[in-house]
Amino acid sequence: MPNAYLNYFASPYADPRDQFQVRAVEVIEKPLEWQKRGLSYTATGYGKRIPTKWMIRFNGKLRRVYVAVYSNNGTAYIGKLSDGYFVNIYQ
């Protein structure tokens, strides 16, 4: 079973130089229908809000993990990218 960690600022008004809070969260694999068929969300594979096959339980709700992919790297997050809830999933 994979492990997931949520990284976020303790306060929305926190100084960007402050350290992130880290919280272990439950992660489940729940692919969408197009993912089960082996399709890509975009033709290029790049985008700001690409859904992943992962969901995490945060504050009592299952939330889809999205990834912003530009160039050759991506940032996994929940909610809006600007909210600052970043996800690390280790298999």
C-alpha atoms as a PDB file:
ATOM      1  CA  MET A   1       0.000   0.000   0.000  1.00  0.00           C
ATOM      2  CA  PRO A   2       1.409   3.419  -0.914  1.00  0.00           C
ATOM      3  CA  ASN A   3       2.134   6.093   1.665  1.00  0.00           C
ATOM      4  CA  ALA A   4       1.020   9.686   1.169  1.00  0.00           C
ATOM      5  CA  TYR A   5       2.006  12.897   2.888  1.00  0.00           C
ATOM      6  CA  LEU A   6       0.276  16.262   2.653  1.00  0.00           C
ATOM      7  CA  ASN A   7       2.485  19.361   2.891  1.00  0.00           C
ATOM      8  CA  TYR A   8       0.886  22.707   3.677  1.00  0.00           C
ATOM      9  CA  PHE A   9       1.378  25.982   5.534  1.00  0.00           C
ATOM     10  CA  ALA A  10      -0.131  26.113   9.015  1.00  0.00           C
ATOM     11  CA  SER A  11      -1.848  29.400   8.166  1.00  0.00           C
ATOM     12  CA  PRO A  12      -3.004  30.888   4.863  1.00  0.00           C
ATOM     13  CA  TYR A  13      -1.191  34.047   5.964  1.00  0.00           C
ATOM     14  CA  ALA A  14       2.100  32.268   6.673  1.00  0.00           C
ATOM     15  CA  ASP A  15       5.313  33.743   5.398  1.00  0.00           C
ATOM     16  CA  PRO A  16       6.517  31.735   2.340  1.00  0.00           C
ATOM     17  CA  ARG A  17       9.847  31.281   4.107  1.00  0.00           C
ATOM     18  CA  ASP A  18       8.110  29.344   6.903  1.00  0.00           C
ATOM     19  CA  GLN A  19       8.304  25.583   6.929  1.00  0.00           C
ATOM     20  CA  PHE A  20       5.500  23.368   5.697  1.00  0.00           C
ATOM     21  CA  GLN A  21       3.424  21.269   8.043  1.00  0.00           C
ATOM     22  CA  VAL A  22       3.584  17.577   7.058  1.00  0.00           C
ATOM     23  CA  ARG A  23       0.713  15.193   7.694  1.00  0.00           C
ATOM     24  CA  ALA A  24       0.413  11.503   6.821  1.00  0.00           C
ATOM     25  CA  VAL A  25      -2.877  10.826   5.023  1.00  0.00           C
ATOM     26  CA  GLU A  26      -4.715   7.746   3.781  1.00  0.00           C
ATOM     27  CA  VAL A  27      -4.338   7.180   0.041  1.00  0.00           C
ATOM     28  CA  ILE A  28      -6.385   4.958  -2.258  1.00  0.00           C
ATOM     29  CA  GLU A  29      -6.047   4.147  -5.934  1.00  0.00           C
ATOM     30  CA  LYS A  30      -9.287   5.060  -7.730  1.00  0.00           C
ATOM     31  CA  PRO A  31      -8.670   5.544 -11.466  1.00  0.00           C
ATOM     32  CA  LEU A  32     -11.162   7.367 -13.652  1.00  0.00           C
ATOM     33  CA  GLU A  33     -12.769   5.562 -16.590  1.00  0.00           C
ATOM     34  CA  TRP A  34     -10.467   7.070 -19.230  1.00  0.00           C
ATOM     35  CA  GLN A  35      -7.441   6.110 -17.133  1.00  0.00           C
ATOM     36  CA  LYS A  36      -8.617   2.489 -17.023  1.00  0.00           C
ATOM     37  CA  ARG A  37      -8.684   2.524 -20.831  1.00  0.00           C
ATOM     38  CA  GLY A  38      -5.090   3.811 -20.966  1.00  0.00           C
ATOM     39  CA  LEU A  39      -5.988   7.243 -22.346  1.00  0.00           C
ATOM     40  CA  SER A  40      -4.324  10.568 -21.524  1.00  0.00           C
ATOM     41  CA  TYR A  41      -6.175  13.623 -20.162  1.00  0.00           C
ATOM     42  CA  THR A  42      -4.553  15.905 -22.751  1.00  0.00           C
ATOM     43  CA  ALA A  43      -2.965  15.169 -26.100  1.00  0.00           C
ATOM     44  CA  THR A  44       0.412  16.511 -24.951  1.00  0.00           C
ATOM     45  CA  GLY A  45       0.353  15.202 -21.382  1.00  0.00           C
ATOM     46  CA  TYR A  46       0.908  18.724 -20.066  1.00  0.00           C
ATOM     47  CA  GLY A  47      -1.546  20.885 -18.161  1.00  0.00           C
ATOM     48  CA  LYS A  48      -2.361  22.742 -14.953  1.00  0.00           C
ATOM     49  CA  ARG A  49      -5.030  20.446 -13.461  1.00  0.00           C
ATOM     50  CA  ILE A  50      -4.603  16.871 -14.655  1.00  0.00           C
ATOM     51  CA  PRO A  51      -6.473  14.311 -12.499  1.00  0.00           C
ATOM     52  CA  THR A  52      -4.444  11.363 -11.231  1.00  0.00           C
ATOM     53  CA  LYS A  53      -5.596   7.884 -10.235  1.00  0.00           C
ATOM     54  CA  TRP A  54      -4.999   8.732  -6.562  1.00  0.00           C
ATOM     55  CA  MET A  55      -7.379  10.029  -3.908  1.00  0.00           C
ATOM     56  CA  ILE A  56      -6.476  10.994  -0.349  1.00  0.00           C
ATOM     57  CA  ARG A  57      -8.606  11.357   2.756  1.00  0.00           C
ATOM     58  CA  PHE A  58      -8.252  14.883   4.125  1.00  0.00           C
ATOM     59  CA  ASN A  59     -10.510  16.367   6.810  1.00  0.00           C
ATOM     60  CA  GLY A  60     -12.871  13.413   6.536  1.00  0.00           C
ATOM     61  CA  LYS A  61     -13.378  13.645   2.748  1.00  0.00           C
ATOM     62  CA  LEU A  62     -11.852  11.787  -0.165  1.00  0.00           C
ATOM     63  CA  ARG A  63     -10.183  14.288  -2.452  1.00  0.00           C
ATOM     64  CA  ARG A  64      -8.775  13.713  -5.933  1.00  0.00           C
ATOM     65  CA  VAL A  65      -5.063  14.384  -6.372  1.00  0.00           C
ATOM     66  CA  TYR A  66      -4.287  16.597  -9.382  1.00  0.00           C
ATOM     67  CA  VAL A  67      -0.951  17.326 -10.995  1.00  0.00           C
ATOM     68  CA  ALA A  68       0.344  20.420 -12.779  1.00  0.00           C
ATOM     69  CA  VAL A  69       2.766  19.217 -15.474  1.00  0.00           C
ATOM     70  CA  TYR A  70       5.038  21.528 -17.433  1.00  0.00           C
ATOM     71  CA  SER A  71       8.319  20.556 -19.075  1.00  0.00           C
ATOM     72  CA  ASN A  72       9.550  17.308 -17.521  1.00  0.00           C
ATOM     73  CA  ASN A  73       8.239  17.626 -13.956  1.00  0.00           C
ATOM     74  CA  GLY A  74       4.954  17.855 -12.122  1.00  0.00           C
ATOM     75  CA  THR A  75       3.504  19.076  -8.835  1.00  0.00           C
ATOM     76  CA  ALA A  76       0.807  16.974  -7.150  1.00  0.00           C
ATOM     77  CA  TYR A  77      -1.829  18.835  -5.133  1.00  0.00           C
ATOM     78  CA  ILE A  78      -5.431  18.807  -3.905  1.00  0.00           C
ATOM     79  CA  GLY A  79      -7.959  21.597  -4.268  1.00  0.00           C
ATOM     80  CA  LYS A  80      -6.590  24.548  -6.233  1.00  0.00           C
ATOM     81  CA  LEU A  81      -2.881  24.843  -6.928  1.00  0.00           C
ATOM     82  CA  SER A  82      -2.899  28.270  -5.253  1.00  0.00           C
ATOM     83  CA  ASP A  83      -4.286  26.752  -1.996  1.00  0.00           C
ATOM     84  CA  GLY A  84      -0.865  25.243  -1.303  1.00  0.00           C
ATOM     85  CA  TYR A  85      -1.856  21.666  -0.362  1.00  0.00           C
ATOM     86  CA  PHE A  86       0.903  19.610  -1.971  1.00  0.00           C
ATOM     87  CA  VAL A  87       0.945  15.804  -2.004  1.00  0.00           C
ATOM     88  CA  ASN A  88       3.789  13.290  -2.020  1.00  0.00           C
ATOM     89  CA  ILE A  89       2.853   9.660  -2.731  1.00  0.00           C
ATOM     90  CA  TYR A  90       5.431   6.915  -2.281  1.00  0.00           C
ATOM     91  CA  GLN A  91       4.867   3.389  -3.575  1.00  0.00           C
END
